[in-house]
Amino acid sequence: MKVVHQRYVAHSEAHYAGNLVDGAFGLKLFGDAGTHLAITLDGHESLFAGYASVEFLAPVRGGDVVEAEARLAAKGRRSRTVDFELRIICRAVDDSGRAEVLTEPIVATRARGTAVVPADTATTSP
């Protein structure tokens, strides 16, 4: 099971030279997508326990359009292992506001984390 969220990255999100957005921006989107996945799976927002790994693979810039995917990797009695991927699907061409839809998405960030649901809301079906 997976969920995908898409979002425009406003230029105001860029805080570094080269119009770069910090890595925490993508992790926040992972939180939103992970919560959506948890609600879909268990009917509860869950509590995020932590990341086992995070890889920053390509820069995200103001003017990009990204998609954050949360995919269930493993399901325990109360724990949910989730794989995340942030992809850039549109990129600004220049400072004029022009942008293009990318032929192939650029993978910007990958991560794996664990969420936990309360015992009274956990489901056992896959």
PDB file of N, CA and C in Angstrom:
ATOM      1  N   MET A   1       0.848  -1.166   0.000  1.00  0.00           N
ATOM      2  CA  MET A   1       0.000   0.000   0.000  1.00  0.00           C
ATOM      3  C   MET A   1       0.901   1.239   0.000  1.00  0.00           C
ATOM      4  N   LYS A   2       0.449   2.278  -0.698  1.00  0.00           N
ATOM      5  CA  LYS A   2       1.213   3.517  -0.742  1.00  0.00           C
ATOM      6  C   LYS A   2       0.269   4.707  -0.861  1.00  0.00           C
ATOM      7  N   VAL A   3       0.784   5.875  -0.501  1.00  0.00           N
ATOM      8  CA  VAL A   3       0.098   7.144  -0.747  1.00  0.00           C
ATOM      9  C   VAL A   3       1.124   8.099  -1.347  1.00  0.00           C
ATOM     10  N   VAL A   4       0.638   9.034  -2.155  1.00  0.00           N
ATOM     11  CA  VAL A   4       1.509  10.017  -2.799  1.00  0.00           C
ATOM     12  C   VAL A   4       0.889  11.400  -2.629  1.00  0.00           C
ATOM     13  N   HIS A   5       1.686  12.335  -2.162  1.00  0.00           N
ATOM     14  CA  HIS A   5       1.275  13.740  -2.049  1.00  0.00           C
ATOM     15  C   HIS A   5       2.112  14.559  -3.022  1.00  0.00           C
ATOM     16  N   GLN A   6       1.502  15.499  -3.706  1.00  0.00           N
ATOM     17  CA  GLN A   6       2.239  16.406  -4.595  1.00  0.00           C
ATOM     18  C   GLN A   6       2.139  17.814  -4.040  1.00  0.00           C
ATOM     19  N   ARG A   7       3.230  18.586  -4.231  1.00  0.00           N
ATOM     20  CA  ARG A   7       3.252  19.942  -3.692  1.00  0.00           C
ATOM     21  C   ARG A   7       4.185  20.833  -4.490  1.00  0.00           C
ATOM     22  N   TYR A   8       3.748  22.053  -4.705  1.00  0.00           N
ATOM     23  CA  TYR A   8       4.597  23.088  -5.292  1.00  0.00           C
ATOM     24  C   TYR A   8       5.510  23.618  -4.188  1.00  0.00           C
ATOM     25  N   VAL A   9       6.783  23.796  -4.491  1.00  0.00           N
ATOM     26  CA  VAL A   9       7.756  24.337  -3.545  1.00  0.00           C
ATOM     27  C   VAL A   9       7.885  25.833  -3.816  1.00  0.00           C
ATOM     28  N   ALA A  10       7.331  26.634  -2.946  1.00  0.00           N
ATOM     29  CA  ALA A  10       7.375  28.090  -3.127  1.00  0.00           C
ATOM     30  C   ALA A  10       8.818  28.589  -3.042  1.00  0.00           C
ATOM     31  N   HIS A  11       9.106  29.642  -3.766  1.00  0.00           N
ATOM     32  CA  HIS A  11      10.441  30.243  -3.714  1.00  0.00           C
ATOM     33  C   HIS A  11      10.770  30.722  -2.302  1.00  0.00           C
ATOM     34  N   SER A  12       9.763  31.044  -1.511  1.00  0.00           N
ATOM     35  CA  SER A  12       9.996  31.483  -0.134  1.00  0.00           C
ATOM     36  C   SER A  12      10.528  30.353   0.751  1.00  0.00           C
ATOM     37  N   GLU A  13      10.429  29.093   0.298  1.00  0.00           N
ATOM     38  CA  GLU A  13      10.970  27.955   1.050  1.00  0.00           C
ATOM     39  C   GLU A  13      12.492  27.844   0.904  1.00  0.00           C
ATOM     40  N   ALA A  14      13.057  28.506  -0.101  1.00  0.00           N
ATOM     41  CA  ALA A  14      14.510  28.443  -0.335  1.00  0.00           C
ATOM     42  C   ALA A  14      15.216  29.343   0.673  1.00  0.00           C
ATOM     43  N   HIS A  15      16.221  28.783   1.331  1.00  0.00           N
ATOM     44  CA  HIS A  15      16.952  29.527   2.358  1.00  0.00           C
ATOM     45  C   HIS A  15      18.443  29.605   2.076  1.00  0.00           C
ATOM     46  N   TYR A  16      18.900  29.007   1.015  1.00  0.00           N
ATOM     47  CA  TYR A  16      20.329  28.917   0.749  1.00  0.00           C
ATOM     48  C   TYR A  16      20.647  29.399  -0.658  1.00  0.00           C
ATOM     49  N   ALA A  17      21.897  29.707  -0.871  1.00  0.00           N
ATOM     50  CA  ALA A  17      22.358  30.141  -2.195  1.00  0.00           C
ATOM     51  C   ALA A  17      21.954  29.106  -3.236  1.00  0.00           C
ATOM     52  N   GLY A  18      21.711  29.580  -4.446  1.00  0.00           N
ATOM     53  CA  GLY A  18      21.295  28.677  -5.509  1.00  0.00           C
ATOM     54  C   GLY A  18      19.833  28.301  -5.421  1.00  0.00           C
ATOM     55  N   ASN A  19      19.048  29.040  -4.590  1.00  0.00           N
ATOM     56  CA  ASN A  19      17.615  28.786  -4.465  1.00  0.00           C
ATOM     57  C   ASN A  19      17.328  27.416  -3.846  1.00  0.00           C
ATOM     58  N   LEU A  20      18.247  26.940  -2.985  1.00  0.00           N
ATOM     59  CA  LEU A  20      18.116  25.606  -2.397  1.00  0.00           C
ATOM     60  C   LEU A  20      17.192  25.600  -1.189  1.00  0.00           C
ATOM     61  N   VAL A  21      16.454  24.517  -1.061  1.00  0.00           N
ATOM     62  CA  VAL A  21      15.531  24.281   0.050  1.00  0.00           C
ATOM     63  C   VAL A  21      16.211  23.284   0.994  1.00  0.00           C
ATOM     64  N   ASP A  22      16.038  23.474   2.297  1.00  0.00           N
ATOM     65  CA  ASP A  22      16.696  22.570   3.248  1.00  0.00           C
ATOM     66  C   ASP A  22      16.058  21.182   3.241  1.00  0.00           C
ATOM     67  N   GLY A  23      16.827  20.200   3.692  1.00  0.00           N
ATOM     68  CA  GLY A  23      16.369  18.812   3.694  1.00  0.00           C
ATOM     69  C   GLY A  23      15.175  18.577   4.590  1.00  0.00           C
ATOM     70  N   ALA A  24      15.011  19.400   5.619  1.00  0.00           N
ATOM     71  CA  ALA A  24      13.882  19.240   6.532  1.00  0.00           C
ATOM     72  C   ALA A  24      12.547  19.434   5.820  1.00  0.00           C
ATOM     73  N   PHE A  25      12.541  20.187   4.729  1.00  0.00           N
ATOM     74  CA  PHE A  25      11.315  20.395   3.953  1.00  0.00           C
ATOM     75  C   PHE A  25      10.771  19.045   3.484  1.00  0.00           C
ATOM     76  N   GLY A  26      11.628  18.209   2.923  1.00  0.00           N
ATOM     77  CA  GLY A  26      11.209  16.889   2.450  1.00  0.00           C
ATOM     78  C   GLY A  26      10.774  15.982   3.590  1.00  0.00           C
ATOM     79  N   LEU A  27      11.469  16.074   4.726  1.00  0.00           N
ATOM     80  CA  LEU A  27      11.096  15.234   5.864  1.00  0.00           C
ATOM     81  C   LEU A  27       9.717  15.616   6.397  1.00  0.00           C
ATOM     82  N   LYS A  28       9.382  16.893   6.348  1.00  0.00           N
ATOM     83  CA  LYS A  28       8.034  17.315   6.755  1.00  0.00           C
ATOM     84  C   LYS A  28       6.984  16.700   5.823  1.00  0.00           C
ATOM     85  N   LEU A  29       7.279  16.692   4.529  1.00  0.00           N
ATOM     86  CA  LEU A  29       6.344  16.069   3.579  1.00  0.00           C
ATOM     87  C   LEU A  29       6.227  14.574   3.841  1.00  0.00           C
ATOM     88  N   PHE A  30       7.333  13.931   4.230  1.00  0.00           N
ATOM     89  CA  PHE A  30       7.277  12.511   4.583  1.00  0.00           C
ATOM     90  C   PHE A  30       6.340  12.308   5.782  1.00  0.00           C
ATOM     91  N   GLY A  31       6.390  13.231   6.745  1.00  0.00           N
ATOM     92  CA  GLY A  31       5.498  13.137   7.896  1.00  0.00           C
ATOM     93  C   GLY A  31       4.037  13.196   7.484  1.00  0.00           C
ATOM     94  N   ASP A  32       3.723  14.115   6.569  1.00  0.00           N
ATOM     95  CA  ASP A  32       2.344  14.240   6.091  1.00  0.00           C
ATOM     96  C   ASP A  32       1.900  12.981   5.353  1.00  0.00           C
ATOM     97  N   ALA A  33       2.745  12.486   4.461  1.00  0.00           N
ATOM     98  CA  ALA A  33       2.400  11.287   3.692  1.00  0.00           C
ATOM     99  C   ALA A  33       2.329  10.061   4.607  1.00  0.00           C
ATOM    100  N   GLY A  34       3.240   9.976   5.581  1.00  0.00           N
ATOM    101  CA  GLY A  34       3.220   8.865   6.529  1.00  0.00           C
ATOM    102  C   GLY A  34       1.955   8.858   7.375  1.00  0.00           C
ATOM    103  N   THR A  35       1.496  10.038   7.774  1.00  0.00           N
ATOM    104  CA  THR A  35       0.252  10.148   8.537  1.00  0.00           C
ATOM    105  C   THR A  35      -0.931   9.698   7.684  1.00  0.00           C
ATOM    106  N   HIS A  36      -0.948  10.118   6.434  1.00  0.00           N
ATOM    107  CA  HIS A  36      -2.014   9.696   5.512  1.00  0.00           C
ATOM    108  C   HIS A  36      -2.017   8.173   5.379  1.00  0.00           C
ATOM    109  N   LEU A  37      -0.833   7.582   5.214  1.00  0.00           N
ATOM    110  CA  LEU A  37      -0.725   6.128   5.096  1.00  0.00           C
ATOM    111  C   LEU A  37      -1.246   5.453   6.364  1.00  0.00           C
ATOM    112  N   ALA A  38      -0.880   5.972   7.529  1.00  0.00           N
ATOM    113  CA  ALA A  38      -1.317   5.379   8.795  1.00  0.00           C
ATOM    114  C   ALA A  38      -2.837   5.430   8.936  1.00  0.00           C
ATOM    115  N   ILE A  39      -3.425   6.557   8.562  1.00  0.00           N
ATOM    116  CA  ILE A  39      -4.892   6.671   8.634  1.00  0.00           C
ATOM    117  C   ILE A  39      -5.541   5.663   7.688  1.00  0.00           C
ATOM    118  N   THR A  40      -4.970   5.514   6.500  1.00  0.00           N
ATOM    119  CA  THR A  40      -5.510   4.565   5.527  1.00  0.00           C
ATOM    120  C   THR A  40      -5.403   3.131   6.045  1.00  0.00           C
ATOM    121  N   LEU A  41      -4.275   2.803   6.672  1.00  0.00           N
ATOM    122  CA  LEU A  41      -4.045   1.440   7.164  1.00  0.00           C
ATOM    123  C   LEU A  41      -4.830   1.118   8.431  1.00  0.00           C
ATOM    124  N   ASP A  42      -4.787   2.049   9.391  1.00  0.00           N
ATOM    125  CA  ASP A  42      -5.266   1.734  10.739  1.00  0.00           C
ATOM    126  C   ASP A  42      -6.355   2.655  11.266  1.00  0.00           C
ATOM    127  N   GLY A  43      -6.707   3.685  10.507  1.00  0.00           N
ATOM    128  CA  GLY A  43      -7.707   4.609  11.010  1.00  0.00           C
ATOM    129  C   GLY A  43      -7.199   5.456  12.160  1.00  0.00           C
ATOM    130  N   HIS A  44      -5.883   5.618  12.253  1.00  0.00           N
ATOM    131  CA  HIS A  44      -5.259   6.403  13.322  1.00  0.00           C
ATOM    132  C   HIS A  44      -4.020   7.085  12.756  1.00  0.00           C
ATOM    133  N   GLU A  45      -3.728   8.283  13.235  1.00  0.00           N
ATOM    134  CA  GLU A  45      -2.575   9.029  12.726  1.00  0.00           C
ATOM    135  C   GLU A  45      -1.244   8.361  13.026  1.00  0.00           C
ATOM    136  N   SER A  46      -1.141   7.584  14.051  1.00  0.00           N
ATOM    137  CA  SER A  46       0.056   6.904  14.538  1.00  0.00           C
ATOM    138  C   SER A  46       1.029   7.891  15.168  1.00  0.00           C
ATOM    139  N   LEU A  47       2.081   7.369  15.732  1.00  0.00           N
ATOM    140  CA  LEU A  47       3.172   8.162  16.298  1.00  0.00           C
ATOM    141  C   LEU A  47       4.444   7.725  15.592  1.00  0.00           C
ATOM    142  N   PHE A  48       5.205   8.685  15.095  1.00  0.00           N
ATOM    143  CA  PHE A  48       6.429   8.345  14.376  1.00  0.00           C
ATOM    144  C   PHE A  48       7.549   8.123  15.377  1.00  0.00           C
ATOM    145  N   ALA A  49       8.199   6.966  15.310  1.00  0.00           N
ATOM    146  CA  ALA A  49       9.252   6.613  16.263  1.00  0.00           C
ATOM    147  C   ALA A  49      10.627   7.084  15.817  1.00  0.00           C
ATOM    148  N   GLY A  50      10.890   7.107  14.508  1.00  0.00           N
ATOM    149  CA  GLY A  50      12.189   7.579  14.039  1.00  0.00           C
ATOM    150  C   GLY A  50      12.551   7.020  12.685  1.00  0.00           C
ATOM    151  N   TYR A  51      13.604   7.606  12.146  1.00  0.00           N
ATOM    152  CA  TYR A  51      14.141   7.163  10.865  1.00  0.00           C
ATOM    153  C   TYR A  51      15.281   6.184  11.085  1.00  0.00           C
ATOM    154  N   ALA A  52      15.314   5.119  10.310  1.00  0.00           N
ATOM    155  CA  ALA A  52      16.442   4.186  10.304  1.00  0.00           C
ATOM    156  C   ALA A  52      17.505   4.682   9.337  1.00  0.00           C
ATOM    157  N   SER A  53      17.067   5.383   8.275  1.00  0.00           N
ATOM    158  CA  SER A  53      18.018   5.929   7.301  1.00  0.00           C
ATOM    159  C   SER A  53      17.375   7.099   6.569  1.00  0.00           C
ATOM    160  N   VAL A  54      18.214   8.041   6.162  1.00  0.00           N
ATOM    161  CA  VAL A  54      17.797   9.166   5.336  1.00  0.00           C
ATOM    162  C   VAL A  54      18.932   9.443   4.362  1.00  0.00           C
ATOM    163  N   GLU A  55      18.610   9.551   3.077  1.00  0.00           N
ATOM    164  CA  GLU A  55      19.603   9.873   2.048  1.00  0.00           C
ATOM    165  C   GLU A  55      19.132  11.091   1.265  1.00  0.00           C
ATOM    166  N   PHE A  56      19.976  12.137   1.221  1.00  0.00           N
ATOM    167  CA  PHE A  56      19.703  13.312   0.401  1.00  0.00           C
ATOM    168  C   PHE A  56      20.473  13.137  -0.899  1.00  0.00           C
ATOM    169  N   LEU A  57      19.763  12.951  -2.001  1.00  0.00           N
ATOM    170  CA  LEU A  57      20.380  12.537  -3.261  1.00  0.00           C
ATOM    171  C   LEU A  57      20.464  13.642  -4.313  1.00  0.00           C
ATOM    172  N   ALA A  58      19.568  14.619  -4.250  1.00  0.00           N
ATOM    173  CA  ALA A  58      19.561  15.706  -5.230  1.00  0.00           C
ATOM    174  C   ALA A  58      18.934  16.932  -4.575  1.00  0.00           C
ATOM    175  N   PRO A  59      19.331  18.125  -5.013  1.00  0.00           N
ATOM    176  CA  PRO A  59      18.788  19.336  -4.402  1.00  0.00           C
ATOM    177  C   PRO A  59      17.346  19.611  -4.813  1.00  0.00           C
ATOM    178  N   VAL A  60      16.578  20.120  -3.856  1.00  0.00           N
ATOM    179  CA  VAL A  60      15.231  20.628  -4.123  1.00  0.00           C
ATOM    180  C   VAL A  60      15.354  22.145  -4.140  1.00  0.00           C
ATOM    181  N   ARG A  61      14.700  22.785  -5.114  1.00  0.00           N
ATOM    182  CA  ARG A  61      14.807  24.234  -5.274  1.00  0.00           C
ATOM    183  C   ARG A  61      13.418  24.873  -5.256  1.00  0.00           C
ATOM    184  N   GLY A  62      13.379  26.134  -4.894  1.00  0.00           N
ATOM    185  CA  GLY A  62      12.153  26.895  -5.005  1.00  0.00           C
ATOM    186  C   GLY A  62      11.679  26.874  -6.451  1.00  0.00           C
ATOM    187  N   GLY A  63      10.389  26.692  -6.662  1.00  0.00           N
ATOM    188  CA  GLY A  63       9.832  26.596  -8.001  1.00  0.00           C
ATOM    189  C   GLY A  63       9.639  25.169  -8.476  1.00  0.00           C
ATOM    190  N   ASP A  64      10.199  24.193  -7.751  1.00  0.00           N
ATOM    191  CA  ASP A  64       9.991  22.792  -8.103  1.00  0.00           C
ATOM    192  C   ASP A  64       8.580  22.354  -7.724  1.00  0.00           C
ATOM    193  N   VAL A  65       8.122  21.280  -8.343  1.00  0.00           N
ATOM    194  CA  VAL A  65       6.942  20.554  -7.884  1.00  0.00           C
ATOM    195  C   VAL A  65       7.463  19.170  -7.500  1.00  0.00           C
ATOM    196  N   VAL A  66       7.126  18.744  -6.291  1.00  0.00           N
ATOM    197  CA  VAL A  66       7.631  17.464  -5.790  1.00  0.00           C
ATOM    198  C   VAL A  66       6.465  16.551  -5.440  1.00  0.00           C
ATOM    199  N   GLU A  67       6.776  15.265  -5.374  1.00  0.00           N
ATOM    200  CA  GLU A  67       5.812  14.307  -4.841  1.00  0.00           C
ATOM    201  C   GLU A  67       6.508  13.482  -3.774  1.00  0.00           C
ATOM    202  N   ALA A  68       5.808  13.311  -2.662  1.00  0.00           N
ATOM    203  CA  ALA A  68       6.312  12.525  -1.540  1.00  0.00           C
ATOM    204  C   ALA A  68       5.498  11.245  -1.469  1.00  0.00           C
ATOM    205  N   GLU A  69       6.192  10.126  -1.534  1.00  0.00           N
ATOM    206  CA  GLU A  69       5.525   8.829  -1.472  1.00  0.00           C
ATOM    207  C   GLU A  69       5.859   8.147  -0.157  1.00  0.00           C
ATOM    208  N   ALA A  70       4.848   7.585   0.484  1.00  0.00           N
ATOM    209  CA  ALA A  70       5.016   6.742   1.663  1.00  0.00           C
ATOM    210  C   ALA A  70       4.487   5.367   1.293  1.00  0.00           C
ATOM    211  N   ARG A  71       5.343   4.363   1.425  1.00  0.00           N
ATOM    212  CA  ARG A  71       4.963   2.996   1.034  1.00  0.00           C
ATOM    213  C   ARG A  71       5.200   2.065   2.223  1.00  0.00           C
ATOM    214  N   LEU A  72       4.185   1.272   2.544  1.00  0.00           N
ATOM    215  CA  LEU A  72       4.321   0.302   3.622  1.00  0.00           C
ATOM    216  C   LEU A  72       5.336  -0.759   3.217  1.00  0.00           C
ATOM    217  N   ALA A  73       6.384  -0.925   4.037  1.00  0.00           N
ATOM    218  CA  ALA A  73       7.421  -1.922   3.756  1.00  0.00           C
ATOM    219  C   ALA A  73       7.223  -3.173   4.615  1.00  0.00           C
ATOM    220  N   ALA A  74       6.753  -2.983   5.857  1.00  0.00           N
ATOM    221  CA  ALA A  74       6.524  -4.120   6.759  1.00  0.00           C
ATOM    222  C   ALA A  74       5.512  -3.700   7.813  1.00  0.00           C
ATOM    223  N   LYS A  75       4.737  -4.685   8.264  1.00  0.00           N
ATOM    224  CA  LYS A  75       3.694  -4.402   9.249  1.00  0.00           C
ATOM    225  C   LYS A  75       3.788  -5.393  10.380  1.00  0.00           C
ATOM    226  N   GLY A  76       4.109  -4.870  11.568  1.00  0.00           N
ATOM    227  CA  GLY A  76       4.113  -5.688  12.766  1.00  0.00           C
ATOM    228  C   GLY A  76       2.779  -5.551  13.480  1.00  0.00           C
ATOM    229  N   ARG A  77       2.741  -6.053  14.710  1.00  0.00           N
ATOM    230  CA  ARG A  77       1.498  -5.965  15.474  1.00  0.00           C
ATOM    231  C   ARG A  77       1.080  -4.513  15.687  1.00  0.00           C
ATOM    232  N   ARG A  78       2.039  -3.661  16.085  1.00  0.00           N
ATOM    233  CA  ARG A  78       1.758  -2.232  16.271  1.00  0.00           C
ATOM    234  C   ARG A  78       2.701  -1.332  15.482  1.00  0.00           C
ATOM    235  N   SER A  79       3.779  -1.880  14.977  1.00  0.00           N
ATOM    236  CA  SER A  79       4.748  -1.056  14.242  1.00  0.00           C
ATOM    237  C   SER A  79       4.523  -1.162  12.741  1.00  0.00           C
ATOM    238  N   ARG A  80       4.860  -0.086  12.071  1.00  0.00           N
ATOM    239  CA  ARG A  80       4.754  -0.011  10.618  1.00  0.00           C
ATOM    240  C   ARG A  80       6.069   0.542  10.088  1.00  0.00           C
ATOM    241  N   THR A  81       6.764  -0.249   9.281  1.00  0.00           N
ATOM    242  CA  THR A  81       7.976   0.229   8.632  1.00  0.00           C
ATOM    243  C   THR A  81       7.555   0.849   7.312  1.00  0.00           C
ATOM    244  N   VAL A  82       8.009   2.088   7.097  1.00  0.00           N
ATOM    245  CA  VAL A  82       7.571   2.839   5.929  1.00  0.00           C
ATOM    246  C   VAL A  82       8.782   3.310   5.133  1.00  0.00           C
ATOM    247  N   ASP A  83       8.745   3.085   3.826  1.00  0.00           N
ATOM    248  CA  ASP A  83       9.752   3.622   2.914  1.00  0.00           C
ATOM    249  C   ASP A  83       9.195   4.904   2.308  1.00  0.00           C
ATOM    250  N   PHE A  84      10.043   5.927   2.275  1.00  0.00           N
ATOM    251  CA  PHE A  84       9.659   7.231   1.741  1.00  0.00           C
ATOM    252  C   PHE A  84      10.542   7.583   0.555  1.00  0.00           C
ATOM    253  N   GLU A  85       9.971   8.296  -0.410  1.00  0.00           N
ATOM    254  CA  GLU A  85      10.752   8.820  -1.524  1.00  0.00           C
ATOM    255  C   GLU A  85      10.182  10.171  -1.922  1.00  0.00           C
ATOM    256  N   LEU A  86      11.075  11.152  -2.058  1.00  0.00           N
ATOM    257  CA  LEU A  86      10.701  12.482  -2.533  1.00  0.00           C
ATOM    258  C   LEU A  86      11.262  12.645  -3.931  1.00  0.00           C
ATOM    259  N   ARG A  87      10.359  12.909  -4.893  1.00  0.00           N
ATOM    260  CA  ARG A  87      10.755  13.054  -6.287  1.00  0.00           C
ATOM    261  C   ARG A  87      10.404  14.443  -6.789  1.00  0.00           C
ATOM    262  N   ILE A  88      11.293  15.025  -7.578  1.00  0.00           N
ATOM    263  CA  ILE A  88      11.025  16.289  -8.252  1.00  0.00           C
ATOM    264  C   ILE A  88      10.389  15.936  -9.586  1.00  0.00           C
ATOM    265  N   ILE A  89       9.174  16.462  -9.826  1.00  0.00           N
ATOM    266  CA  ILE A  89       8.465  16.115 -11.056  1.00  0.00           C
ATOM    267  C   ILE A  89       8.365  17.292 -12.026  1.00  0.00           C
ATOM    268  N   CYS A  90       8.567  18.520 -11.519  1.00  0.00           N
ATOM    269  CA  CYS A  90       8.630  19.727 -12.353  1.00  0.00           C
ATOM    270  C   CYS A  90       9.748  20.596 -11.808  1.00  0.00           C
ATOM    271  N   ARG A  91      10.420  21.308 -12.697  1.00  0.00           N
ATOM    272  CA  ARG A  91      11.536  22.155 -12.265  1.00  0.00           C
ATOM    273  C   ARG A  91      11.446  23.512 -12.934  1.00  0.00           C
ATOM    274  N   ALA A  92      11.711  24.555 -12.164  1.00  0.00           N
ATOM    275  CA  ALA A  92      11.764  25.912 -12.713  1.00  0.00           C
ATOM    276  C   ALA A  92      12.894  25.988 -13.734  1.00  0.00           C
ATOM    277  N   VAL A  93      12.633  26.666 -14.846  1.00  0.00           N
ATOM    278  CA  VAL A  93      13.631  26.810 -15.911  1.00  0.00           C
ATOM    279  C   VAL A  93      14.556  27.990 -15.626  1.00  0.00           C
ATOM    280  N   ASP A  94      13.976  29.083 -15.121  1.00  0.00           N
ATOM    281  CA  ASP A  94      14.758  30.285 -14.820  1.00  0.00           C
ATOM    282  C   ASP A  94      13.976  31.114 -13.804  1.00  0.00           C
ATOM    283  N   ASP A  95      14.391  32.346 -13.580  1.00  0.00           N
ATOM    284  CA  ASP A  95      13.736  33.205 -12.595  1.00  0.00           C
ATOM    285  C   ASP A  95      12.468  33.875 -13.123  1.00  0.00           C
ATOM    286  N   SER A  96      12.072  33.604 -14.362  1.00  0.00           N
ATOM    287  CA  SER A  96      10.919  34.270 -14.965  1.00  0.00           C
ATOM    288  C   SER A  96       9.591  33.634 -14.581  1.00  0.00           C
ATOM    289  N   GLY A  97       9.625  32.484 -13.928  1.00  0.00           N
ATOM    290  CA  GLY A  97       8.405  31.749 -13.612  1.00  0.00           C
ATOM    291  C   GLY A  97       8.154  30.586 -14.552  1.00  0.00           C
ATOM    292  N   ARG A  98       8.980  30.479 -15.604  1.00  0.00           N
ATOM    293  CA  ARG A  98       8.836  29.351 -16.525  1.00  0.00           C
ATOM    294  C   ARG A  98       9.306  28.069 -15.832  1.00  0.00           C
ATOM    295  N   ALA A  99       8.625  26.981 -16.154  1.00  0.00           N
ATOM    296  CA  ALA A  99       8.977  25.683 -15.576  1.00  0.00           C
ATOM    297  C   ALA A  99       8.646  24.596 -16.577  1.00  0.00           C
ATOM    298  N   GLU A 100       9.199  23.411 -16.329  1.00  0.00           N
ATOM    299  CA  GLU A 100       8.935  22.289 -17.221  1.00  0.00           C
ATOM    300  C   GLU A 100       8.603  21.042 -16.411  1.00  0.00           C
ATOM    301  N   VAL A 101       7.746  20.216 -16.999  1.00  0.00           N
ATOM    302  CA  VAL A 101       7.467  18.902 -16.439  1.00  0.00           C
ATOM    303  C   VAL A 101       8.633  18.010 -16.860  1.00  0.00           C
ATOM    304  N   LEU A 102       9.240  17.354 -15.900  1.00  0.00           N
ATOM    305  CA  LEU A 102      10.402  16.511 -16.207  1.00  0.00           C
ATOM    306  C   LEU A 102       9.956  15.201 -16.852  1.00  0.00           C
ATOM    307  N   THR A 103      10.699  14.758 -17.844  1.00  0.00           N
ATOM    308  CA  THR A 103      10.415  13.480 -18.496  1.00  0.00           C
ATOM    309  C   THR A 103      10.568  12.335 -17.502  1.00  0.00           C
ATOM    310  N   GLU A 104      11.631  12.388 -16.725  1.00  0.00           N
ATOM    311  CA  GLU A 104      11.884  11.407 -15.665  1.00  0.00           C
ATOM    312  C   GLU A 104      12.007  12.157 -14.351  1.00  0.00           C
ATOM    313  N   PRO A 105      11.277  11.771 -13.334  1.00  0.00           N
ATOM    314  CA  PRO A 105      11.422  12.433 -12.031  1.00  0.00           C
ATOM    315  C   PRO A 105      12.848  12.299 -11.501  1.00  0.00           C
ATOM    316  N   ILE A 106      13.272  13.272 -10.721  1.00  0.00           N
ATOM    317  CA  ILE A 106      14.567  13.242 -10.046  1.00  0.00           C
ATOM    318  C   ILE A 106      14.321  12.823  -8.604  1.00  0.00           C
ATOM    319  N   VAL A 107      14.950  11.739  -8.158  1.00  0.00           N
ATOM    320  CA  VAL A 107      14.805  11.314  -6.766  1.00  0.00           C
ATOM    321  C   VAL A 107      15.687  12.214  -5.913  1.00  0.00           C
ATOM    322  N   ALA A 108      15.055  12.969  -5.024  1.00  0.00           N
ATOM    323  CA  ALA A 108      15.785  13.926  -4.187  1.00  0.00           C
ATOM    324  C   ALA A 108      16.136  13.339  -2.823  1.00  0.00           C
ATOM    325  N   THR A 109      15.214  12.588  -2.225  1.00  0.00           N
ATOM    326  CA  THR A 109      15.431  12.055  -0.876  1.00  0.00           C
ATOM    327  C   THR A 109      14.782  10.697  -0.754  1.00  0.00           C
ATOM    328  N   ARG A 110      15.477   9.794  -0.053  1.00  0.00           N
ATOM    329  CA  ARG A 110      14.911   8.487   0.312  1.00  0.00           C
ATOM    330  C   ARG A 110      15.093   8.311   1.810  1.00  0.00           C
ATOM    331  N   ALA A 111      14.139   7.643   2.420  1.00  0.00           N
ATOM    332  CA  ALA A 111      14.240   7.387   3.856  1.00  0.00           C
ATOM    333  C   ALA A 111      13.436   6.147   4.214  1.00  0.00           C
ATOM    334  N   ARG A 112      13.741   5.607   5.385  1.00  0.00           N
ATOM    335  CA  ARG A 112      12.966   4.504   5.960  1.00  0.00           C
ATOM    336  C   ARG A 112      12.745   4.841   7.418  1.00  0.00           C
ATOM    337  N   GLY A 113      11.521   4.651   7.865  1.00  0.00           N
ATOM    338  CA  GLY A 113      11.204   4.970   9.253  1.00  0.00           C
ATOM    339  C   GLY A 113      10.180   4.027   9.826  1.00  0.00           C
ATOM    340  N   THR A 114       9.920   4.193  11.118  1.00  0.00           N
ATOM    341  CA  THR A 114       8.971   3.337  11.825  1.00  0.00           C
ATOM    342  C   THR A 114       7.931   4.189  12.526  1.00  0.00           C
ATOM    343  N   ALA A 115       6.681   3.826  12.335  1.00  0.00           N
ATOM    344  CA  ALA A 115       5.561   4.438  13.038  1.00  0.00           C
ATOM    345  C   ALA A 115       4.929   3.376  13.923  1.00  0.00           C
ATOM    346  N   VAL A 116       4.295   3.841  15.007  1.00  0.00           N
ATOM    347  CA  VAL A 116       3.648   2.924  15.946  1.00  0.00           C
ATOM    348  C   VAL A 116       2.222   3.400  16.167  1.00  0.00           C
ATOM    349  N   VAL A 117       1.301   2.449  16.152  1.00  0.00           N
ATOM    350  CA  VAL A 117      -0.103   2.781  16.433  1.00  0.00           C
ATOM    351  C   VAL A 117      -0.470   2.259  17.809  1.00  0.00           C
ATOM    352  N   PRO A 118      -1.383   2.934  18.504  1.00  0.00           N
ATOM    353  CA  PRO A 118      -1.825   2.453  19.824  1.00  0.00           C
ATOM    354  C   PRO A 118      -2.426   1.051  19.699  1.00  0.00           C
ATOM    355  N   ALA A 119      -2.266   0.263  20.744  1.00  0.00           N
ATOM    356  CA  ALA A 119      -2.737  -1.132  20.741  1.00  0.00           C
ATOM    357  C   ALA A 119      -4.222  -1.252  20.439  1.00  0.00           C
ATOM    358  N   ASP A 120      -5.019  -0.318  20.901  1.00  0.00           N
ATOM    359  CA  ASP A 120      -6.472  -0.431  20.695  1.00  0.00           C
ATOM    360  C   ASP A 120      -6.914  -0.073  19.289  1.00  0.00           C
ATOM    361  N   THR A 121      -5.989   0.454  18.439  1.00  0.00           N
ATOM    362  CA  THR A 121      -6.384   0.795  17.068  1.00  0.00           C
ATOM    363  C   THR A 121      -5.643  -0.034  16.021  1.00  0.00           C
ATOM    364  N   ALA A 122      -4.648  -0.790  16.412  1.00  0.00           N
ATOM    365  CA  ALA A 122      -3.851  -1.551  15.455  1.00  0.00           C
ATOM    366  C   ALA A 122      -4.689  -2.635  14.779  1.00  0.00           C
ATOM    367  N   THR A 123      -4.497  -2.759  13.481  1.00  0.00           N
ATOM    368  CA  THR A 123      -5.140  -3.845  12.743  1.00  0.00           C
ATOM    369  C   THR A 123      -4.078  -4.879  12.413  1.00  0.00           C
ATOM    370  N   THR A 124      -4.488  -6.112  12.252  1.00  0.00           N
ATOM    371  CA  THR A 124      -3.524  -7.173  11.976  1.00  0.00           C
ATOM    372  C   THR A 124      -3.559  -7.649  10.541  1.00  0.00           C
ATOM    373  N   SER A 125      -4.509  -7.180   9.769  1.00  0.00           N
ATOM    374  CA  SER A 125      -4.573  -7.616   8.377  1.00  0.00           C
ATOM    375  C   SER A 125      -3.489  -6.918   7.578  1.00  0.00           C
ATOM    376  N   PRO A 126      -2.941  -7.569   6.519  1.00  0.00           N
ATOM    377  CA  PRO A 126      -1.853  -6.965   5.756  1.00  0.00           C
ATOM    378  C   PRO A 126      -2.271  -5.754   4.946  1.00  0.00           C
TER     379      PRO A 126
END
